[in-house]
Amino acid sequence: AAMVRERDELIGAGLFDAFPDNPGEPEGTGVTNLRASLERALTSRQPDAMPVQRYDIPRADGRFEERWWEPVNTPLLDHKGEVTALLHQVVDATSRVHAEAANLESEGELQRMTDALPVLVSFVGQDRRYRFVNKTYEEWFGHSRDELRGRHMRDVLGAAAYEGLEPAIDRALSGERFTFETRVPYKDGGSRDVHVEYVPRIEPDGSVQGYYA
């Protein structure tokens, strides 16, 4: 729901009289979280960022436009370091929220597509940690994708398997597309004969962010 107040209504009014708590708001959002954020800023004497939240704004046609905002409460200090006021800043985060939602939707579609494939599909970053895995990884290694994402390849594959693949991994992370066949002694799932293709992800500036396998 939108909150609309005239300037004359706000000047001189108590903050929580102008914007009272709303019992219907989820915990940690909206005005219900503002009081806690202000208290943290007063105590720490450091800026306190609140969660991004939605407040729609009125349009000329009488309808409301969806908008997302990122509030930050910053204490203003005097020469003794005492808090004299709190600056409440709100940045329009609508574009970022919409972009993040689109990325999540795209990632979800990618996850559904790769889950349908009877092959291992993953993305590994320069830190050699899994950033993306498909469902076949769960079937091969007996761990959920949430357990696999963020883990180093050595931990997932096992030391012997990782050391055998390391020369190919080095080549992929240096920007070389590399295809090979080998027997891999996986820690979980036993030894398997595999056909592997590593495709580096190269950014426009030439940097290699990782590789797809």
Protein backbone atom coordinates (compact mmCIF):
# COMPACT_ATOMS: atom_id res chain seq x y z
CA ALA A 1 0.00 0.00 0.00
CA ALA A 2 1.18 3.52 -0.62
CA MET A 3 1.83 6.07 2.09
CA VAL A 4 0.92 9.60 0.99
CA ARG A 5 1.32 12.60 3.29
CA GLU A 6 1.27 16.34 2.59
CA ARG A 7 4.41 18.22 3.62
CA ASP A 8 2.45 20.44 6.01
CA GLU A 9 1.15 17.34 7.76
CA LEU A 10 4.68 16.07 8.39
CA ILE A 11 6.61 19.17 9.51
CA GLY A 12 6.55 19.36 13.29
CA ALA A 13 4.79 16.02 13.74
CA GLY A 14 6.25 13.20 15.79
CA LEU A 15 7.82 10.61 13.54
CA PHE A 16 5.76 7.69 14.78
CA ASP A 17 2.62 9.81 14.91
CA ALA A 18 3.01 10.61 11.22
CA PHE A 19 3.96 7.03 10.34
CA PRO A 20 2.52 4.71 12.99
CA ASP A 21 3.37 1.01 13.20
CA ASN A 22 1.28 -1.18 10.92
CA PRO A 23 0.53 -4.56 12.56
CA GLY A 24 -0.27 -5.98 9.11
CA GLU A 25 3.26 -5.51 7.75
CA PRO A 26 5.65 -8.48 7.69
CA GLU A 27 8.30 -8.42 10.41
CA GLY A 28 11.45 -6.60 9.32
CA THR A 29 9.79 -4.39 6.71
CA GLY A 30 8.13 -1.01 6.44
CA VAL A 31 7.54 1.36 9.34
CA THR A 32 7.55 -1.53 11.82
CA ASN A 33 11.32 -1.84 11.22
CA LEU A 34 12.11 1.89 11.19
CA ARG A 35 12.19 2.28 14.97
CA ALA A 36 14.74 -0.54 15.36
CA SER A 37 16.93 0.90 12.60
CA LEU A 38 16.94 4.35 14.19
CA GLU A 39 17.89 2.83 17.55
CA ARG A 40 20.78 0.94 15.95
CA ALA A 41 22.03 4.12 14.26
CA LEU A 42 21.82 6.03 17.56
CA THR A 43 23.66 3.30 19.47
CA SER A 44 26.37 2.54 16.92
CA ARG A 45 26.69 6.12 15.60
CA GLN A 46 27.03 4.51 12.19
CA PRO A 47 24.69 4.51 9.16
CA ASP A 48 22.11 1.74 9.30
CA ALA A 49 20.62 0.40 6.06
CA MET A 50 17.09 -0.97 6.18
CA PRO A 51 15.86 -3.76 3.89
CA VAL A 52 14.67 -2.72 0.45
CA GLN A 53 10.90 -2.26 0.64
CA ARG A 54 7.97 -1.38 -1.54
CA TYR A 55 5.99 1.87 -1.36
CA ASP A 56 3.94 2.73 -4.45
CA ILE A 57 3.57 6.32 -5.61
CA PRO A 58 0.47 8.00 -7.12
CA ARG A 59 0.33 8.74 -10.84
CA ALA A 60 -1.48 11.52 -12.68
CA ASP A 61 -4.24 9.10 -13.75
CA GLY A 62 -5.08 8.31 -10.13
CA ARG A 63 -3.45 4.88 -10.13
CA PHE A 64 -0.32 3.86 -8.26
CA GLU A 65 3.07 2.98 -9.71
CA GLU A 66 5.10 0.16 -8.16
CA ARG A 67 8.28 1.53 -6.59
CA TRP A 68 10.96 -0.01 -4.36
CA TRP A 69 13.06 2.02 -1.94
CA GLU A 70 16.28 1.50 0.05
CA PRO A 71 16.21 3.57 3.28
CA VAL A 72 19.39 4.45 5.19
CA ASN A 73 19.45 6.19 8.58
CA THR A 74 22.63 8.20 9.17
CA PRO A 75 23.45 9.86 12.52
CA LEU A 76 24.79 13.44 12.37
CA LEU A 77 27.44 14.08 15.03
CA ASP A 78 28.64 17.26 16.69
CA HIS A 79 32.27 18.08 17.49
CA LYS A 80 32.06 15.93 20.63
CA GLY A 81 30.81 12.92 18.69
CA GLU A 82 27.30 13.17 20.09
CA VAL A 83 24.30 12.48 17.86
CA THR A 84 22.43 15.70 17.14
CA ALA A 85 20.06 14.42 14.46
CA LEU A 86 19.33 11.48 12.19
CA LEU A 87 19.34 11.85 8.42
CA HIS A 88 16.78 9.52 6.84
CA GLN A 89 17.70 8.98 3.19
CA VAL A 90 15.68 6.90 0.76
CA VAL A 91 17.13 5.81 -2.58
CA ASP A 92 14.91 4.59 -5.41
CA ALA A 93 15.92 0.96 -5.97
CA THR A 94 13.12 0.05 -8.41
CA SER A 95 15.38 -0.55 -11.42
CA ARG A 96 17.72 -2.78 -9.42
CA VAL A 97 14.87 -4.80 -7.90
CA HIS A 98 13.32 -5.38 -11.34
CA ALA A 99 16.71 -6.39 -12.78
CA GLU A 100 17.32 -8.83 -9.93
CA ALA A 101 13.85 -10.32 -10.41
CA ALA A 102 14.55 -10.78 -14.13
CA ASN A 103 17.87 -12.46 -13.33
CA LEU A 104 16.19 -14.83 -10.89
CA GLU A 105 13.54 -15.68 -13.47
CA SER A 106 16.24 -16.36 -16.08
CA GLU A 107 18.22 -18.47 -13.63
CA GLY A 108 15.09 -20.43 -12.76
CA GLU A 109 14.42 -21.14 -16.45
CA LEU A 110 18.07 -22.18 -16.92
CA GLN A 111 17.78 -24.48 -13.90
CA ARG A 112 14.65 -26.14 -15.31
CA MET A 113 16.25 -26.62 -18.72
CA THR A 114 19.50 -28.11 -17.43
CA ASP A 115 17.71 -30.31 -14.89
CA ALA A 116 16.03 -32.05 -17.82
CA LEU A 117 19.39 -33.02 -19.36
CA PRO A 118 20.92 -36.45 -18.52
CA VAL A 119 24.42 -34.90 -18.20
CA LEU A 120 26.33 -32.94 -15.60
CA VAL A 121 26.03 -29.18 -16.18
CA SER A 122 27.80 -26.67 -13.94
CA PHE A 123 29.51 -23.31 -13.72
CA VAL A 124 32.75 -22.97 -11.76
CA GLY A 125 34.24 -19.62 -10.75
CA GLN A 126 37.88 -18.56 -10.71
CA ASP A 127 37.96 -19.64 -7.05
CA ARG A 128 37.18 -23.19 -8.28
CA ARG A 129 33.91 -23.27 -6.41
CA TYR A 130 30.63 -24.42 -7.92
CA ARG A 131 28.29 -21.50 -8.65
CA PHE A 132 25.67 -23.52 -10.52
CA VAL A 133 24.90 -27.24 -10.77
CA ASN A 134 22.02 -29.14 -12.33
CA LYS A 135 19.99 -32.00 -10.90
CA THR A 136 22.30 -34.70 -12.28
CA TYR A 137 24.94 -33.56 -9.79
CA GLU A 138 22.56 -34.49 -6.98
CA GLU A 139 22.07 -37.95 -8.49
CA TRP A 140 25.80 -38.57 -9.04
CA PHE A 141 27.12 -37.29 -5.74
CA GLY A 142 24.21 -37.86 -3.38
CA HIS A 143 24.10 -34.25 -2.14
CA SER A 144 21.55 -31.51 -2.75
CA ARG A 145 22.47 -28.62 -5.02
CA ASP A 146 22.33 -26.30 -2.01
CA GLU A 147 25.06 -28.42 -0.41
CA LEU A 148 27.13 -28.38 -3.60
CA ARG A 149 26.91 -24.70 -4.55
CA GLY A 150 29.74 -22.67 -3.08
CA ARG A 151 31.91 -25.71 -2.33
CA HIS A 152 35.40 -26.12 -3.77
CA MET A 153 35.76 -28.72 -6.52
CA ARG A 154 38.25 -30.65 -4.43
CA ASP A 155 35.68 -31.10 -1.67
CA VAL A 156 33.00 -32.32 -4.07
CA LEU A 157 35.09 -34.50 -6.39
CA GLY A 158 37.66 -35.72 -3.90
CA ALA A 159 41.39 -35.07 -3.90
CA ALA A 160 42.30 -37.81 -6.39
CA ALA A 161 39.68 -36.76 -8.94
CA TYR A 162 40.48 -33.08 -8.57
CA GLU A 163 44.22 -33.59 -9.04
CA GLY A 164 43.56 -35.59 -12.21
CA LEU A 165 41.36 -32.85 -13.64
CA GLU A 166 43.44 -29.90 -12.43
CA PRO A 167 45.53 -29.44 -15.63
CA ALA A 168 42.31 -29.17 -17.67
CA ILE A 169 40.77 -26.82 -15.09
CA ASP A 170 43.86 -24.59 -15.30
CA ARG A 171 43.51 -24.40 -19.07
CA ALA A 172 39.80 -23.53 -18.89
CA LEU A 173 40.37 -20.82 -16.29
CA SER A 174 43.08 -19.31 -18.49
CA GLY A 175 40.48 -18.91 -21.26
CA GLU A 176 40.98 -22.09 -23.33
CA ARG A 177 38.01 -24.18 -24.47
CA PHE A 178 38.99 -27.76 -23.75
CA THR A 179 37.42 -31.17 -24.51
CA PHE A 180 38.71 -34.52 -23.29
CA GLU A 181 37.78 -38.03 -22.16
CA THR A 182 39.12 -39.69 -19.03
CA ARG A 183 38.31 -41.97 -16.10
CA VAL A 184 37.60 -39.97 -12.94
CA PRO A 185 37.79 -41.61 -9.46
CA TYR A 186 35.04 -39.55 -7.81
CA LYS A 187 34.93 -39.49 -4.02
CA ASP A 188 31.16 -40.04 -4.07
CA GLY A 189 29.73 -42.17 -6.87
CA GLY A 190 32.83 -44.23 -7.73
CA SER A 191 35.00 -44.12 -10.85
CA ARG A 192 33.33 -43.12 -14.09
CA ASP A 193 34.43 -42.80 -17.70
CA VAL A 194 33.45 -39.30 -18.78
CA HIS A 195 33.45 -37.08 -21.85
CA VAL A 196 34.10 -33.53 -20.62
CA GLU A 197 33.90 -30.11 -22.24
CA TYR A 198 35.05 -26.97 -20.43
CA VAL A 199 33.88 -23.66 -21.95
CA PRO A 200 35.38 -20.51 -20.38
CA ARG A 201 33.14 -17.53 -19.67
CA ILE A 202 35.06 -14.56 -21.05
CA GLU A 203 33.87 -11.02 -20.32
CA PRO A 204 34.08 -8.17 -22.89
CA ASP A 205 37.22 -6.86 -21.16
CA GLY A 206 38.92 -10.22 -21.74
CA SER A 207 38.79 -11.44 -18.13
CA VAL A 208 37.79 -15.05 -17.47
CA GLN A 209 35.08 -15.26 -14.81
CA GLY A 210 35.05 -19.05 -14.72
CA TYR A 211 33.95 -21.87 -17.00
CA TYR A 212 30.93 -23.98 -17.88
CA ALA A 213 31.33 -27.75 -17.71
